[in-house]
Amino acid sequence: MRKYITTYMKKVDEALADKDTDLELLKEEHIRQIGFIQHERLVHLLVTIMCCILLFLCMGVFFICGIKAFLAVAALLLILSLSYLLYYFFIENAVQAMYGQYDEITSRLHGDDIAGRLMDKNNMIRIRRK
């Protein structure tokens, strides 16, 4: 999935660099892809939470009962949890970058600086009355 996301984001960047790109179609496809990646992010969040819960349960059983088999399982779950956390970190950052791409597409389509309108230089949301 990592390769899929990075390849897709590069294609969107290339499409944004091309002046002949149909921005309306790109926007529709990008919204669809953001939805897919958000679903992937949610699933991995739930799996990561479950791995961490199982890790803490195994550690608790080991510390309370002293059964060494639970320490071995906890070590495996620790490795798995760290892997899931790193992957979740990647997916979260990718989704945030895709939001930026979406803002770029929308601003080119409508001639509006969405990011500038929503964020000031201190990254605080501000309300602007017209």
N, C-alpha and C. Protein backbone atom coordinates (compact mmCIF):
# COMPACT_ATOMS: atom_id res chain seq x y z
N MET A 1 0.82 -1.19 0.00
CA MET A 1 0.00 0.00 0.00
C MET A 1 0.87 1.25 0.00
N ARG A 2 2.01 1.18 0.65
CA ARG A 2 2.91 2.33 0.70
C ARG A 2 3.31 2.76 -0.72
N LYS A 3 3.65 1.78 -1.56
CA LYS A 3 4.04 2.08 -2.93
C LYS A 3 2.87 2.66 -3.71
N TYR A 4 1.68 2.13 -3.49
CA TYR A 4 0.48 2.62 -4.16
C TYR A 4 0.25 4.10 -3.83
N ILE A 5 0.35 4.44 -2.56
CA ILE A 5 0.10 5.82 -2.12
C ILE A 5 1.14 6.77 -2.69
N THR A 6 2.41 6.40 -2.59
CA THR A 6 3.45 7.31 -3.08
C THR A 6 3.37 7.47 -4.60
N THR A 7 3.07 6.39 -5.32
CA THR A 7 2.92 6.47 -6.77
C THR A 7 1.74 7.36 -7.14
N TYR A 8 0.63 7.18 -6.44
CA TYR A 8 -0.56 8.00 -6.73
C TYR A 8 -0.28 9.48 -6.47
N MET A 9 0.37 9.78 -5.36
CA MET A 9 0.64 11.18 -5.03
C MET A 9 1.59 11.81 -6.05
N LYS A 10 2.55 11.06 -6.56
CA LYS A 10 3.44 11.57 -7.61
C LYS A 10 2.66 11.85 -8.88
N LYS A 11 1.72 10.96 -9.22
CA LYS A 11 0.90 11.17 -10.42
C LYS A 11 0.05 12.43 -10.29
N VAL A 12 -0.47 12.67 -9.09
CA VAL A 12 -1.26 13.89 -8.88
C VAL A 12 -0.37 15.12 -9.02
N ASP A 13 0.83 15.07 -8.47
CA ASP A 13 1.76 16.19 -8.61
C ASP A 13 2.10 16.43 -10.08
N GLU A 14 2.29 15.36 -10.85
CA GLU A 14 2.56 15.50 -12.28
C GLU A 14 1.37 16.09 -13.00
N ALA A 15 0.16 15.65 -12.62
CA ALA A 15 -1.05 16.19 -13.25
C ALA A 15 -1.22 17.67 -12.93
N LEU A 16 -0.86 18.06 -11.71
CA LEU A 16 -0.95 19.47 -11.34
C LEU A 16 0.07 20.31 -12.10
N ALA A 17 1.20 19.72 -12.45
CA ALA A 17 2.23 20.44 -13.19
C ALA A 17 1.84 20.60 -14.67
N ASP A 18 0.99 19.70 -15.16
CA ASP A 18 0.55 19.74 -16.56
C ASP A 18 -0.60 20.74 -16.69
N LYS A 19 -0.46 21.67 -17.61
CA LYS A 19 -1.48 22.72 -17.81
C LYS A 19 -2.74 22.19 -18.48
N ASP A 20 -2.65 21.04 -19.16
CA ASP A 20 -3.79 20.50 -19.91
C ASP A 20 -4.65 19.54 -19.09
N THR A 21 -4.38 19.40 -17.82
CA THR A 21 -5.11 18.46 -16.97
C THR A 21 -6.54 18.94 -16.74
N ASP A 22 -7.49 18.01 -16.86
CA ASP A 22 -8.88 18.32 -16.52
C ASP A 22 -9.00 18.31 -14.99
N LEU A 23 -9.01 19.49 -14.41
CA LEU A 23 -8.99 19.60 -12.95
C LEU A 23 -10.27 19.08 -12.30
N GLU A 24 -11.37 19.17 -13.00
CA GLU A 24 -12.64 18.67 -12.44
C GLU A 24 -12.57 17.16 -12.27
N LEU A 25 -12.08 16.44 -13.28
CA LEU A 25 -11.93 14.99 -13.18
C LEU A 25 -10.88 14.61 -12.14
N LEU A 26 -9.79 15.38 -12.11
CA LEU A 26 -8.75 15.12 -11.12
C LEU A 26 -9.29 15.29 -9.71
N LYS A 27 -10.11 16.31 -9.51
CA LYS A 27 -10.69 16.56 -8.19
C LYS A 27 -11.59 15.40 -7.76
N GLU A 28 -12.44 14.93 -8.67
CA GLU A 28 -13.34 13.82 -8.34
C GLU A 28 -12.55 12.56 -7.99
N GLU A 29 -11.54 12.25 -8.80
CA GLU A 29 -10.73 11.06 -8.53
C GLU A 29 -9.94 11.21 -7.23
N HIS A 30 -9.46 12.40 -6.98
CA HIS A 30 -8.68 12.64 -5.77
C HIS A 30 -9.54 12.47 -4.52
N ILE A 31 -10.76 12.96 -4.57
CA ILE A 31 -11.67 12.78 -3.43
C ILE A 31 -11.91 11.29 -3.19
N ARG A 32 -12.09 10.54 -4.27
CA ARG A 32 -12.31 9.09 -4.15
C ARG A 32 -11.08 8.41 -3.53
N GLN A 33 -9.90 8.77 -3.98
CA GLN A 33 -8.68 8.17 -3.46
C GLN A 33 -8.44 8.56 -2.00
N ILE A 34 -8.76 9.80 -1.64
CA ILE A 34 -8.64 10.21 -0.24
C ILE A 34 -9.54 9.33 0.63
N GLY A 35 -10.74 9.04 0.14
CA GLY A 35 -11.65 8.16 0.88
C GLY A 35 -11.08 6.77 1.07
N PHE A 36 -10.46 6.22 0.03
CA PHE A 36 -9.84 4.90 0.14
C PHE A 36 -8.71 4.90 1.18
N ILE A 37 -7.88 5.92 1.11
CA ILE A 37 -6.73 5.98 2.03
C ILE A 37 -7.21 6.25 3.45
N GLN A 38 -8.26 7.05 3.61
CA GLN A 38 -8.81 7.28 4.95
C GLN A 38 -9.34 5.98 5.54
N HIS A 39 -9.96 5.15 4.69
CA HIS A 39 -10.45 3.86 5.17
C HIS A 39 -9.29 2.99 5.61
N GLU A 40 -8.25 2.97 4.81
CA GLU A 40 -7.03 2.21 5.16
C GLU A 40 -6.45 2.72 6.49
N ARG A 41 -6.45 4.03 6.65
CA ARG A 41 -5.93 4.64 7.88
C ARG A 41 -6.75 4.21 9.09
N LEU A 42 -8.08 4.20 8.94
CA LEU A 42 -8.95 3.79 10.05
C LEU A 42 -8.72 2.33 10.42
N VAL A 43 -8.64 1.47 9.42
CA VAL A 43 -8.42 0.05 9.69
C VAL A 43 -7.09 -0.16 10.41
N HIS A 44 -6.05 0.52 9.94
CA HIS A 44 -4.74 0.37 10.59
C HIS A 44 -4.71 0.98 11.98
N LEU A 45 -5.49 2.02 12.21
CA LEU A 45 -5.59 2.56 13.56
C LEU A 45 -6.21 1.53 14.50
N LEU A 46 -7.29 0.90 14.07
CA LEU A 46 -7.94 -0.11 14.91
C LEU A 46 -7.03 -1.31 15.16
N VAL A 47 -6.32 -1.76 14.13
CA VAL A 47 -5.40 -2.88 14.30
C VAL A 47 -4.26 -2.49 15.24
N THR A 48 -3.75 -1.28 15.10
CA THR A 48 -2.67 -0.81 15.96
C THR A 48 -3.13 -0.75 17.41
N ILE A 49 -4.32 -0.24 17.63
CA ILE A 49 -4.86 -0.17 19.00
C ILE A 49 -5.01 -1.57 19.59
N MET A 50 -5.52 -2.50 18.79
CA MET A 50 -5.69 -3.87 19.30
C MET A 50 -4.34 -4.52 19.63
N CYS A 51 -3.35 -4.30 18.78
CA CYS A 51 -2.01 -4.86 19.06
C CYS A 51 -1.44 -4.28 20.35
N CYS A 52 -1.62 -2.99 20.55
CA CYS A 52 -1.10 -2.36 21.76
C CYS A 52 -1.84 -2.85 23.00
N ILE A 53 -3.14 -3.03 22.89
CA ILE A 53 -3.92 -3.56 24.02
C ILE A 53 -3.45 -4.97 24.36
N LEU A 54 -3.28 -5.81 23.34
CA LEU A 54 -2.79 -7.17 23.58
C LEU A 54 -1.38 -7.16 24.17
N LEU A 55 -0.56 -6.24 23.72
CA LEU A 55 0.80 -6.11 24.26
C LEU A 55 0.74 -5.81 25.76
N PHE A 56 -0.07 -4.84 26.14
CA PHE A 56 -0.17 -4.49 27.56
C PHE A 56 -0.80 -5.60 28.39
N LEU A 57 -1.75 -6.32 27.82
CA LEU A 57 -2.33 -7.46 28.54
C LEU A 57 -1.29 -8.55 28.77
N CYS A 58 -0.52 -8.86 27.74
CA CYS A 58 0.53 -9.88 27.89
C CYS A 58 1.58 -9.45 28.92
N MET A 59 1.95 -8.19 28.89
CA MET A 59 2.92 -7.70 29.88
C MET A 59 2.34 -7.77 31.29
N GLY A 60 1.06 -7.43 31.40
CA GLY A 60 0.41 -7.49 32.71
C GLY A 60 0.36 -8.91 33.25
N VAL A 61 0.00 -9.86 32.39
CA VAL A 61 -0.04 -11.27 32.81
C VAL A 61 1.35 -11.73 33.21
N PHE A 62 2.37 -11.32 32.45
CA PHE A 62 3.73 -11.72 32.79
C PHE A 62 4.13 -11.15 34.15
N PHE A 63 3.87 -9.88 34.39
CA PHE A 63 4.27 -9.27 35.66
C PHE A 63 3.47 -9.80 36.84
N ILE A 64 2.22 -10.16 36.62
CA ILE A 64 1.39 -10.66 37.72
C ILE A 64 1.66 -12.14 37.99
N CYS A 65 1.67 -12.94 36.92
CA CYS A 65 1.80 -14.39 37.08
C CYS A 65 3.22 -14.91 36.90
N GLY A 66 4.04 -14.16 36.20
CA GLY A 66 5.42 -14.59 35.97
C GLY A 66 5.59 -15.68 34.93
N ILE A 67 4.59 -15.87 34.08
CA ILE A 67 4.68 -16.90 33.04
C ILE A 67 5.53 -16.35 31.90
N LYS A 68 6.67 -17.00 31.64
CA LYS A 68 7.63 -16.48 30.68
C LYS A 68 7.13 -16.55 29.23
N ALA A 69 6.19 -17.42 28.96
CA ALA A 69 5.65 -17.50 27.60
C ALA A 69 4.99 -16.17 27.22
N PHE A 70 4.39 -15.50 28.19
CA PHE A 70 3.75 -14.21 27.90
C PHE A 70 4.78 -13.13 27.61
N LEU A 71 5.97 -13.27 28.14
CA LEU A 71 7.03 -12.31 27.83
C LEU A 71 7.46 -12.46 26.37
N ALA A 72 7.54 -13.69 25.88
CA ALA A 72 7.89 -13.92 24.49
C ALA A 72 6.80 -13.38 23.55
N VAL A 73 5.56 -13.62 23.92
CA VAL A 73 4.45 -13.09 23.11
C VAL A 73 4.45 -11.57 23.15
N ALA A 74 4.74 -10.99 24.31
CA ALA A 74 4.80 -9.53 24.44
C ALA A 74 5.92 -8.95 23.57
N ALA A 75 7.04 -9.66 23.49
CA ALA A 75 8.14 -9.18 22.64
C ALA A 75 7.72 -9.17 21.17
N LEU A 76 7.04 -10.22 20.74
CA LEU A 76 6.56 -10.26 19.37
C LEU A 76 5.51 -9.17 19.11
N LEU A 77 4.63 -8.98 20.06
CA LEU A 77 3.61 -7.93 19.91
C LEU A 77 4.23 -6.54 19.93
N LEU A 78 5.32 -6.36 20.66
CA LEU A 78 6.01 -5.07 20.67
C LEU A 78 6.56 -4.76 19.28
N ILE A 79 7.18 -5.74 18.66
CA ILE A 79 7.72 -5.55 17.31
C ILE A 79 6.58 -5.25 16.32
N LEU A 80 5.51 -6.01 16.44
CA LEU A 80 4.36 -5.81 15.56
C LEU A 80 3.73 -4.43 15.78
N SER A 81 3.59 -4.03 17.03
CA SER A 81 3.00 -2.73 17.35
C SER A 81 3.85 -1.58 16.82
N LEU A 82 5.16 -1.70 16.96
CA LEU A 82 6.04 -0.65 16.43
C LEU A 82 5.94 -0.56 14.91
N SER A 83 5.85 -1.71 14.26
CA SER A 83 5.69 -1.72 12.80
C SER A 83 4.39 -1.05 12.38
N TYR A 84 3.31 -1.40 13.07
CA TYR A 84 2.02 -0.78 12.77
C TYR A 84 2.04 0.71 13.05
N LEU A 85 2.70 1.14 14.12
CA LEU A 85 2.77 2.57 14.42
C LEU A 85 3.53 3.33 13.34
N LEU A 86 4.63 2.77 12.86
CA LEU A 86 5.38 3.43 11.79
C LEU A 86 4.56 3.52 10.51
N TYR A 87 3.85 2.45 10.18
CA TYR A 87 3.02 2.46 8.98
C TYR A 87 1.86 3.43 9.14
N TYR A 88 1.25 3.46 10.32
CA TYR A 88 0.16 4.40 10.55
C TYR A 88 0.65 5.84 10.45
N PHE A 89 1.85 6.10 10.95
CA PHE A 89 2.45 7.43 10.84
C PHE A 89 2.59 7.81 9.37
N PHE A 90 3.04 6.86 8.54
CA PHE A 90 3.15 7.13 7.10
C PHE A 90 1.80 7.44 6.48
N ILE A 91 0.80 6.62 6.78
CA ILE A 91 -0.53 6.83 6.19
C ILE A 91 -1.11 8.17 6.64
N GLU A 92 -0.95 8.51 7.90
CA GLU A 92 -1.47 9.78 8.42
C GLU A 92 -0.83 10.95 7.69
N ASN A 93 0.48 10.93 7.52
CA ASN A 93 1.17 12.00 6.81
C ASN A 93 0.76 12.05 5.34
N ALA A 94 0.54 10.89 4.73
CA ALA A 94 0.12 10.85 3.33
C ALA A 94 -1.26 11.47 3.16
N VAL A 95 -2.17 11.17 4.07
CA VAL A 95 -3.51 11.75 3.98
C VAL A 95 -3.44 13.27 4.14
N GLN A 96 -2.62 13.74 5.07
CA GLN A 96 -2.47 15.18 5.24
C GLN A 96 -1.91 15.82 3.98
N ALA A 97 -0.95 15.17 3.33
CA ALA A 97 -0.39 15.69 2.08
C ALA A 97 -1.45 15.68 0.97
N MET A 98 -2.29 14.65 0.96
CA MET A 98 -3.36 14.58 -0.04
C MET A 98 -4.37 15.70 0.17
N TYR A 99 -4.60 16.09 1.42
CA TYR A 99 -5.48 17.24 1.67
C TYR A 99 -4.87 18.50 1.05
N GLY A 100 -3.56 18.64 1.17
CA GLY A 100 -2.88 19.78 0.55
C GLY A 100 -3.02 19.77 -0.96
N GLN A 101 -2.89 18.59 -1.57
CA GLN A 101 -3.08 18.47 -3.01
C GLN A 101 -4.51 18.83 -3.40
N TYR A 102 -5.46 18.38 -2.59
CA TYR A 102 -6.87 18.71 -2.86
C TYR A 102 -7.08 20.22 -2.80
N ASP A 103 -6.50 20.88 -1.81
CA ASP A 103 -6.60 22.34 -1.72
C ASP A 103 -6.00 23.01 -2.94
N GLU A 104 -4.89 22.48 -3.44
CA GLU A 104 -4.26 23.03 -4.64
C GLU A 104 -5.17 22.87 -5.86
N ILE A 105 -5.76 21.69 -6.00
CA ILE A 105 -6.68 21.45 -7.12
C ILE A 105 -7.86 22.41 -7.04
N THR A 106 -8.44 22.53 -5.86
CA THR A 106 -9.62 23.40 -5.68
C THR A 106 -9.27 24.86 -5.92
N SER A 107 -8.12 25.29 -5.46
CA SER A 107 -7.75 26.69 -5.65
C SER A 107 -7.50 26.99 -7.13
N ARG A 108 -6.96 26.05 -7.87
CA ARG A 108 -6.77 26.25 -9.31
C ARG A 108 -8.09 26.23 -10.05
N LEU A 109 -9.01 25.39 -9.58
CA LEU A 109 -10.31 25.30 -10.24
C LEU A 109 -11.13 26.56 -10.03
N HIS A 110 -11.14 27.06 -8.82
CA HIS A 110 -12.02 28.16 -8.46
C HIS A 110 -11.30 29.49 -8.30
N GLY A 111 -9.98 29.48 -8.47
CA GLY A 111 -9.22 30.71 -8.35
C GLY A 111 -9.27 31.29 -6.95
N ASP A 112 -9.30 30.42 -5.97
CA ASP A 112 -9.44 30.85 -4.58
C ASP A 112 -8.31 30.25 -3.77
N ASP A 113 -7.72 31.04 -2.91
CA ASP A 113 -6.64 30.55 -2.05
C ASP A 113 -7.25 30.01 -0.76
N ILE A 114 -7.65 28.73 -0.79
CA ILE A 114 -8.32 28.12 0.36
C ILE A 114 -7.41 28.08 1.57
N ALA A 115 -6.19 27.60 1.37
CA ALA A 115 -5.26 27.46 2.50
C ALA A 115 -4.98 28.83 3.11
N GLY A 116 -4.79 29.85 2.28
CA GLY A 116 -4.53 31.19 2.80
C GLY A 116 -5.72 31.77 3.52
N ARG A 117 -6.91 31.39 3.07
CA ARG A 117 -8.12 31.89 3.71
C ARG A 117 -8.34 31.24 5.06
N LEU A 118 -7.96 29.98 5.20
CA LEU A 118 -8.22 29.25 6.44
C LEU A 118 -7.11 29.39 7.47
N MET A 119 -5.89 29.58 7.01
CA MET A 119 -4.76 29.57 7.94
C MET A 119 -4.00 30.88 7.85
N ASP A 120 -3.64 31.41 8.98
CA ASP A 120 -2.77 32.58 8.95
C ASP A 120 -1.33 32.11 9.14
N LYS A 121 -0.40 33.02 9.26
CA LYS A 121 1.00 32.61 9.33
C LYS A 121 1.35 31.86 10.60
N ASN A 122 0.50 31.89 11.62
CA ASN A 122 0.73 31.14 12.85
C ASN A 122 -0.02 29.81 12.86
N ASN A 123 -0.56 29.42 11.68
CA ASN A 123 -1.33 28.19 11.54
C ASN A 123 -2.54 28.14 12.46
N MET A 124 -3.15 29.26 12.66
CA MET A 124 -4.36 29.33 13.47
C MET A 124 -5.53 29.57 12.53
N ILE A 125 -6.62 28.88 12.75
CA ILE A 125 -7.80 29.08 11.91
C ILE A 125 -8.40 30.45 12.25
N ARG A 126 -8.70 31.18 11.23
CA ARG A 126 -9.30 32.48 11.45
C ARG A 126 -10.58 32.59 10.63
N ILE A 127 -11.45 33.39 11.09
CA ILE A 127 -12.71 33.60 10.40
C ILE A 127 -12.63 34.94 9.70
N ARG A 128 -12.91 34.93 8.42
CA ARG A 128 -12.81 36.14 7.65
C ARG A 128 -14.19 36.50 7.12
N ARG A 129 -14.65 37.66 7.45
CA ARG A 129 -15.95 38.11 6.99
C ARG A 129 -15.77 38.88 5.70
N LYS A 130 -16.70 38.65 4.80
CA LYS A 130 -16.65 39.38 3.52
C LYS A 130 -17.68 40.46 3.50
